[in-house]
């Protein structure tokens, strides 16, 4: 696999942000990642984490078998992804091989977890995820290093946990956010502006998810009007106004923004890794973040959204960069 010490400089078609973003989640890479992770998945322990408010979240714990480092990495996926998303699974496997215990946490209504809670997922549900991370830390690595790594929306959650965690007694020696959502309004704008493949991808996955939810709780969710909507903005606006406490779409989107002064006062050592050419997260959002002692930003020229594919075998540079980062910290 590629070594992270080498700069990430893809050539030819791999320098395309769209090739990077599409291939990273595509079926060809999925076949390879699933094959590589077969033994890892076989020994994963299924866990239900019940938070203080009664929310139940599904996750999977793996105890590293070799090159053991006495540390745990908790991984958070992106919106409409899951603990088996290519980028998350390949990164978890890389951490496992480097000797880290891992816990892959599904958000509410992601993966095979729709039945666990009657309420719908939305991106402002920080408390349940923060509480789950705290419980996982205490259960699996009490008094030992616990790292948090998030991708895309999971990276956004990771940044919010890095900011809010210390006030709740959660001490994390390092949080890493890969291609994180910074200002959600800009992401929605980008999805409408870029190639239609991105919006179509999320609409298709969201429709599938809400069909499952409606079938499980037909008395609560009657979403026929929602299913007639075709665009992500109007779908989000309908759900926000009909099924959440937010007054309108803008209030909801700002509810999970980490732009502006949100990260002021950040005490948790945090690293953001992203690409200038990300078609979903505008580079300007990262450049607008405050300069803080606890915040490091690595912005690469190429990589797309959660891509960073180094070759046509679809090896990802990012998983080696992540393991390098946490190995260096753990081995000090």
Protein backbone atom coordinates (compact mmCIF):
# COMPACT_ATOMS: atom_id res chain seq x y z
CA UNK A 1 0.00 0.00 0.00
CA UNK A 2 1.20 3.59 -0.57
CA UNK A 3 3.24 5.17 2.20
CA UNK A 4 1.93 8.38 3.67
CA UNK A 5 5.41 9.93 3.78
CA UNK A 6 5.22 10.29 -0.02
CA UNK A 7 3.23 13.35 -1.10
CA UNK A 8 -0.17 12.58 -2.54
CA UNK A 9 0.23 13.50 -6.19
CA UNK A 10 -2.13 11.49 -8.41
CA UNK A 11 -1.59 11.70 -12.14
CA UNK A 12 -3.70 11.31 -15.27
CA UNK A 13 -7.35 10.56 -14.69
CA UNK A 14 -6.71 10.00 -10.99
CA UNK A 15 -6.05 13.72 -10.69
CA UNK A 16 -9.73 14.30 -11.53
CA UNK A 17 -11.83 15.24 -8.53
CA UNK A 18 -14.81 13.44 -9.98
CA UNK A 19 -12.88 10.21 -10.63
CA UNK A 20 -11.58 10.34 -7.05
CA UNK A 21 -14.98 11.03 -5.51
CA UNK A 22 -16.91 8.45 -7.53
CA UNK A 23 -14.40 5.59 -7.45
CA UNK A 24 -13.84 5.76 -3.69
CA UNK A 25 -17.44 4.63 -3.02
CA UNK A 26 -17.88 2.57 -6.16
CA UNK A 27 -18.54 -1.17 -6.55
CA UNK A 28 -15.06 -1.99 -7.85
CA UNK A 29 -13.40 -0.68 -4.73
CA UNK A 30 -16.10 -2.23 -2.58
CA UNK A 31 -15.29 -5.73 -3.88
CA UNK A 32 -11.61 -5.25 -3.10
CA UNK A 33 -12.14 -3.73 0.35
CA UNK A 34 -14.63 -6.43 1.35
CA UNK A 35 -12.23 -9.13 0.27
CA UNK A 36 -9.35 -7.57 2.21
CA UNK A 37 -11.52 -7.06 5.29
CA UNK A 38 -13.20 -10.49 5.34
CA UNK A 39 -11.40 -11.78 8.44
CA UNK A 40 -11.70 -8.40 10.16
CA UNK A 41 -15.47 -8.36 9.60
CA UNK A 42 -15.80 -11.97 10.77
CA UNK A 43 -14.36 -11.12 14.18
CA UNK A 44 -16.22 -7.83 14.60
CA UNK A 45 -18.34 -7.73 17.76
CA UNK A 46 -21.81 -6.25 17.28
CA UNK A 47 -22.67 -3.75 20.01
CA UNK A 48 -25.67 -1.60 20.90
CA UNK A 49 -24.76 1.63 22.68
CA UNK A 50 -27.66 3.11 24.65
CA UNK A 51 -27.24 6.79 25.38
CA UNK A 52 -28.55 8.69 28.36
CA UNK A 53 -31.67 9.81 26.48
CA UNK A 54 -32.53 6.22 25.51
CA UNK A 55 -31.25 6.38 21.93
CA UNK A 56 -29.72 3.12 20.73
CA UNK A 57 -26.85 3.21 18.25
CA UNK A 58 -25.34 0.22 16.49
CA UNK A 59 -21.60 -0.26 16.29
CA UNK A 60 -18.89 -2.86 15.80
CA UNK A 61 -15.81 -3.38 17.96
CA UNK A 62 -12.60 -5.09 16.86
CA UNK A 63 -9.76 -6.04 19.17
CA UNK A 64 -6.44 -5.83 17.32
CA UNK A 65 -4.60 -9.14 17.23
CA UNK A 66 -1.07 -8.11 16.31
CA UNK A 67 1.41 -5.24 16.72
CA UNK A 68 -0.75 -4.16 19.62
CA UNK A 69 -0.93 -0.54 20.62
CA UNK A 70 -2.88 0.13 23.79
CA UNK A 71 -5.29 2.56 22.14
CA UNK A 72 -8.73 2.71 20.54
CA UNK A 73 -9.88 4.48 17.37
CA UNK A 74 -13.58 5.36 17.03
CA UNK A 75 -14.66 5.93 13.42
CA UNK A 76 -17.67 7.92 12.16
CA UNK A 77 -19.03 7.60 8.61
CA UNK A 78 -20.69 10.16 6.35
CA UNK A 79 -24.36 10.87 5.64
CA UNK A 80 -26.18 7.84 4.20
CA UNK A 81 -22.99 5.83 4.60
CA UNK A 82 -22.43 3.21 7.26
CA UNK A 83 -19.77 1.31 9.17
CA UNK A 84 -19.25 -0.74 6.00
CA UNK A 85 -18.65 2.22 3.66
CA UNK A 86 -15.49 1.67 1.64
CA UNK A 87 -13.52 4.57 3.10
CA UNK A 88 -14.48 3.73 6.68
CA UNK A 89 -13.94 -0.01 6.44
CA UNK A 90 -10.58 0.30 4.68
CA UNK A 91 -9.40 2.82 7.29
CA UNK A 92 -10.59 0.64 10.16
CA UNK A 93 -8.72 -2.30 8.66
CA UNK A 94 -5.56 -0.20 8.36
CA UNK A 95 -5.83 0.81 12.02
CA UNK A 96 -6.42 -2.82 13.00
CA UNK A 97 -3.32 -3.95 11.14
CA UNK A 98 -1.35 -1.19 12.86
CA UNK A 99 -2.39 -2.55 16.26
CA UNK A 100 -5.27 -0.26 17.25
CA UNK A 101 -8.55 -1.51 18.63
CA UNK A 102 -11.38 -0.01 16.57
CA UNK A 103 -15.03 0.86 17.07
CA UNK A 104 -17.11 1.69 13.99
CA UNK A 105 -20.23 3.58 15.03
CA UNK A 106 -23.38 3.90 12.93
CA UNK A 107 -25.42 7.05 13.25
CA UNK A 108 -29.13 6.59 13.92
CA UNK A 109 -30.94 5.19 10.82
CA UNK A 110 -27.68 4.21 9.10
CA UNK A 111 -26.56 0.70 8.31
CA UNK A 112 -28.97 -1.92 9.63
CA UNK A 113 -30.20 0.22 12.51
CA UNK A 114 -33.47 1.85 11.43
CA UNK A 115 -35.47 -0.32 13.82
CA UNK A 116 -33.57 0.75 16.93
CA UNK A 117 -35.17 4.19 17.31
CA UNK A 118 -38.56 5.54 16.29
CA UNK A 119 -37.25 9.07 15.82
CA UNK A 120 -35.60 10.10 12.55
CA UNK A 121 -31.93 10.91 12.13
CA UNK A 122 -30.91 14.45 11.44
CA UNK A 123 -27.51 16.10 11.50
CA UNK A 124 -28.08 18.20 14.62
CA UNK A 125 -28.35 15.13 16.88
CA UNK A 126 -24.95 15.81 18.43
CA UNK A 127 -25.79 14.84 22.01
CA UNK A 128 -26.49 11.19 21.29
CA UNK A 129 -23.31 10.76 19.25
CA UNK A 130 -21.16 12.60 21.81
CA UNK A 131 -22.62 10.49 24.61
CA UNK A 132 -22.03 7.30 22.61
CA UNK A 133 -18.39 8.25 22.01
CA UNK A 134 -17.97 8.92 25.74
CA UNK A 135 -19.53 5.56 26.64
CA UNK A 136 -17.43 3.66 24.11
CA UNK A 137 -14.30 5.35 25.45
CA UNK A 138 -15.12 4.42 29.03
CA UNK A 139 -16.18 0.87 28.19
CA UNK A 140 -13.36 -0.25 25.92
CA UNK A 141 -10.35 1.88 26.86
CA UNK A 142 -10.80 3.35 30.36
CA UNK A 143 -7.85 5.60 31.13
CA UNK A 144 -6.12 4.86 27.83
CA UNK A 145 -5.81 6.85 24.59
CA UNK A 146 -8.97 7.07 22.50
CA UNK A 147 -8.85 8.76 19.09
CA UNK A 148 -11.80 9.91 17.00
CA UNK A 149 -11.74 9.86 13.18
CA UNK A 150 -14.66 11.07 11.07
CA UNK A 151 -15.35 11.34 7.35
CA UNK A 152 -17.56 13.93 5.61
CA UNK A 153 -20.61 14.43 7.87
CA UNK A 154 -18.83 12.16 10.36
CA UNK A 155 -15.94 14.62 10.20
CA UNK A 156 -18.38 17.41 11.03
CA UNK A 157 -19.61 15.43 14.06
CA UNK A 158 -15.98 14.80 15.04
CA UNK A 159 -15.22 18.54 14.97
CA UNK A 160 -18.26 19.31 17.10
CA UNK A 161 -17.28 16.59 19.57
CA UNK A 162 -13.73 17.96 19.67
CA UNK A 163 -15.18 21.37 20.55
CA UNK A 164 -17.87 20.27 23.01
CA UNK A 165 -16.32 17.11 24.47
CA UNK A 166 -14.01 18.59 27.13
CA UNK A 167 -16.93 20.37 28.81
CA UNK A 168 -18.58 16.94 29.13
CA UNK A 169 -15.44 15.33 30.57
CA UNK A 170 -14.40 13.69 27.29
CA UNK A 171 -10.65 13.86 26.78
CA UNK A 172 -9.41 12.84 23.33
CA UNK A 173 -5.69 13.18 22.53
CA UNK A 174 -6.40 13.64 18.82
CA UNK A 175 -9.42 14.08 16.58
CA UNK A 176 -9.06 13.77 12.80
CA UNK A 177 -11.71 14.99 10.35
CA UNK A 178 -11.39 13.92 6.70
CA UNK A 179 -13.29 16.02 4.12
CA UNK A 180 -15.60 17.36 6.85
CA UNK A 181 -18.72 19.40 6.29
CA UNK A 182 -18.00 22.94 7.50
CA UNK A 183 -20.96 25.10 6.41
CA UNK A 184 -23.88 22.82 5.37
CA UNK A 185 -25.57 25.54 3.32
CA UNK A 186 -22.54 25.64 1.04
CA UNK A 187 -22.59 21.85 0.67
CA UNK A 188 -26.21 21.94 -0.45
CA UNK A 189 -25.34 24.70 -2.92
CA UNK A 190 -22.44 22.64 -4.27
CA UNK A 191 -24.58 19.52 -4.72
CA UNK A 192 -26.98 21.54 -6.86
CA UNK A 193 -24.18 23.17 -8.84
CA UNK A 194 -21.90 20.18 -9.50
CA UNK A 195 -22.46 17.10 -11.66
CA UNK A 196 -25.93 15.67 -11.05
CA UNK A 197 -24.40 12.31 -10.11
CA UNK A 198 -23.74 13.55 -6.57
CA UNK A 199 -27.24 14.80 -5.80
CA UNK A 200 -28.74 11.72 -7.49
CA UNK A 201 -26.56 9.46 -5.34
CA UNK A 202 -27.72 11.03 -2.07
CA UNK A 203 -31.37 11.29 -3.12
CA UNK A 204 -31.42 7.60 -4.04
CA UNK A 205 -29.86 6.51 -0.75
CA UNK A 206 -32.06 8.81 1.33
CA UNK A 207 -35.22 7.56 -0.39
CA UNK A 208 -34.21 3.97 0.38
CA UNK A 209 -33.56 4.87 4.02
CA UNK A 210 -36.90 6.60 4.52
CA UNK A 211 -38.79 3.78 2.83
CA UNK A 212 -37.33 1.47 5.46
CA UNK A 213 -38.23 3.88 8.26
CA UNK A 214 -41.80 4.35 7.05
CA UNK A 215 -42.30 0.58 6.75
CA UNK A 216 -41.07 0.08 10.32
CA UNK A 217 -43.17 2.88 11.83
CA UNK A 218 -46.17 3.39 9.49
CA UNK A 219 -48.31 5.07 12.14
CA UNK A 220 -45.73 7.79 12.70
CA UNK A 221 -44.33 8.37 9.23
CA UNK A 222 -46.59 9.03 6.27
CA UNK A 223 -44.14 10.36 3.75
CA UNK A 224 -46.05 10.10 0.47
CA UNK A 225 -45.72 13.85 -0.10
CA UNK A 226 -41.98 13.69 0.57
CA UNK A 227 -41.45 10.88 -1.93
CA UNK A 228 -42.95 13.05 -4.67
CA UNK A 229 -40.14 15.58 -4.24
CA UNK A 230 -37.13 15.18 -6.52
CA UNK A 231 -34.46 17.60 -5.31
CA UNK A 232 -32.37 17.40 -2.16
CA UNK A 233 -33.10 20.96 -1.07
CA UNK A 234 -36.88 20.59 -1.21
CA UNK A 235 -36.72 17.15 0.42
CA UNK A 236 -34.62 18.50 3.29
CA UNK A 237 -36.84 21.55 3.69
CA UNK A 238 -40.00 19.42 3.84
CA UNK A 239 -38.60 17.10 6.51
CA UNK A 240 -37.18 19.95 8.57
CA UNK A 241 -40.48 21.83 8.61
CA UNK A 242 -42.71 18.79 9.10
CA UNK A 243 -40.70 16.58 11.44
CA UNK A 244 -38.17 18.65 13.40
CA UNK A 245 -38.20 21.49 15.89
CA UNK A 246 -36.36 23.85 13.53
CA UNK A 247 -38.27 26.84 12.18
CA UNK A 248 -36.91 26.56 8.65
CA UNK A 249 -34.20 25.04 6.47
CA UNK A 250 -31.65 27.78 7.19
CA UNK A 251 -31.99 27.34 10.96
CA UNK A 252 -31.44 23.61 10.58
CA UNK A 253 -28.38 23.96 8.34
CA UNK A 254 -26.79 26.49 10.68
CA UNK A 255 -27.54 24.13 13.56
CA UNK A 256 -24.67 21.85 12.59
CA UNK A 257 -22.35 24.37 11.00
CA UNK A 258 -18.81 24.62 12.41
CA UNK A 259 -18.01 27.76 10.41
CA UNK A 260 -17.42 31.23 11.83
CA UNK A 261 -16.40 31.24 15.48
CA UNK A 262 -17.80 27.80 16.36
CA UNK A 263 -14.35 26.28 16.91
CA UNK A 264 -13.08 29.23 19.00
CA UNK A 265 -11.97 27.83 22.34
CA UNK A 266 -11.10 24.43 20.83
CA UNK A 267 -8.89 22.54 23.29
CA UNK A 268 -8.88 19.06 21.75
CA UNK A 269 -5.88 18.61 19.39
CA UNK A 270 -7.58 18.36 16.00
CA UNK A 271 -6.44 17.70 12.44
CA UNK A 272 -8.48 18.39 9.30
CA UNK A 273 -7.40 16.68 6.06
CA UNK A 274 -9.15 17.76 2.89
CA UNK A 275 -8.66 18.46 -0.81
CA UNK A 276 -8.82 21.77 -2.65
CA UNK A 277 -10.73 20.06 -5.45
CA UNK A 278 -13.45 18.49 -3.27
CA UNK A 279 -16.62 18.86 -5.37
CA UNK A 280 -18.88 18.76 -2.31
CA UNK A 281 -17.06 20.82 0.36
CA UNK A 282 -15.83 24.23 -0.90
CA UNK A 283 -12.15 24.91 -0.18
CA UNK A 284 -13.04 28.45 0.90
CA UNK A 285 -14.89 27.03 3.91
CA UNK A 286 -11.63 25.63 5.29
CA UNK A 287 -9.66 28.78 4.57
CA UNK A 288 -12.25 30.71 6.54
CA UNK A 289 -11.70 28.70 9.74
CA UNK A 290 -9.99 30.52 12.62
CA UNK A 291 -6.30 29.88 13.20
CA UNK A 292 -6.13 28.07 16.51
CA UNK A 293 -3.27 26.40 18.43
CA UNK A 294 -5.27 23.16 18.69
CA UNK A 295 -6.28 23.03 15.01
CA UNK A 296 -4.12 21.76 12.14
CA UNK A 297 -5.23 21.89 8.51
CA UNK A 298 -3.77 19.80 5.69
CA UNK A 299 -5.23 20.80 2.33
CA UNK A 300 -4.04 18.77 -0.64
CA UNK A 301 -4.44 19.85 -4.26
CA UNK A 302 -6.20 16.64 -5.26
CA UNK A 303 -8.28 13.94 -3.62
CA UNK A 304 -11.90 14.79 -4.30
CA UNK A 305 -14.38 13.99 -1.55
CA UNK A 306 -13.08 11.27 0.80
CA UNK A 307 -11.07 9.88 -2.13
CA UNK A 308 -7.28 10.21 -2.08
CA UNK A 309 -6.92 7.13 -4.28
CA UNK A 310 -3.24 6.61 -5.05
CA UNK A 311 -3.37 4.11 -7.91
CA UNK A 312 -5.68 2.05 -10.12
CA UNK A 313 -5.68 -0.75 -7.54
CA UNK A 314 -7.78 1.82 -5.65
CA UNK A 315 -5.48 1.94 -2.63
CA UNK A 316 -6.20 5.07 -0.62
CA UNK A 317 -3.42 7.32 0.59
CA UNK A 318 -5.63 8.62 3.40
CA UNK A 319 -5.68 5.42 5.44
CA UNK A 320 -1.89 5.38 5.56
CA UNK A 321 -1.81 9.06 6.49
CA UNK A 322 -4.25 8.36 9.31
CA UNK A 323 -2.34 5.40 10.71
CA UNK A 324 0.93 7.35 10.47
CA UNK A 325 -0.62 10.22 12.43
CA UNK A 326 -1.97 8.10 15.27
CA UNK A 327 1.00 5.73 15.42
CA UNK A 328 3.30 8.72 15.89
CA UNK A 329 1.18 10.00 18.77
CA UNK A 330 0.78 6.61 20.43
CA UNK A 331 4.45 5.67 20.18
CA UNK A 332 5.74 8.87 21.80
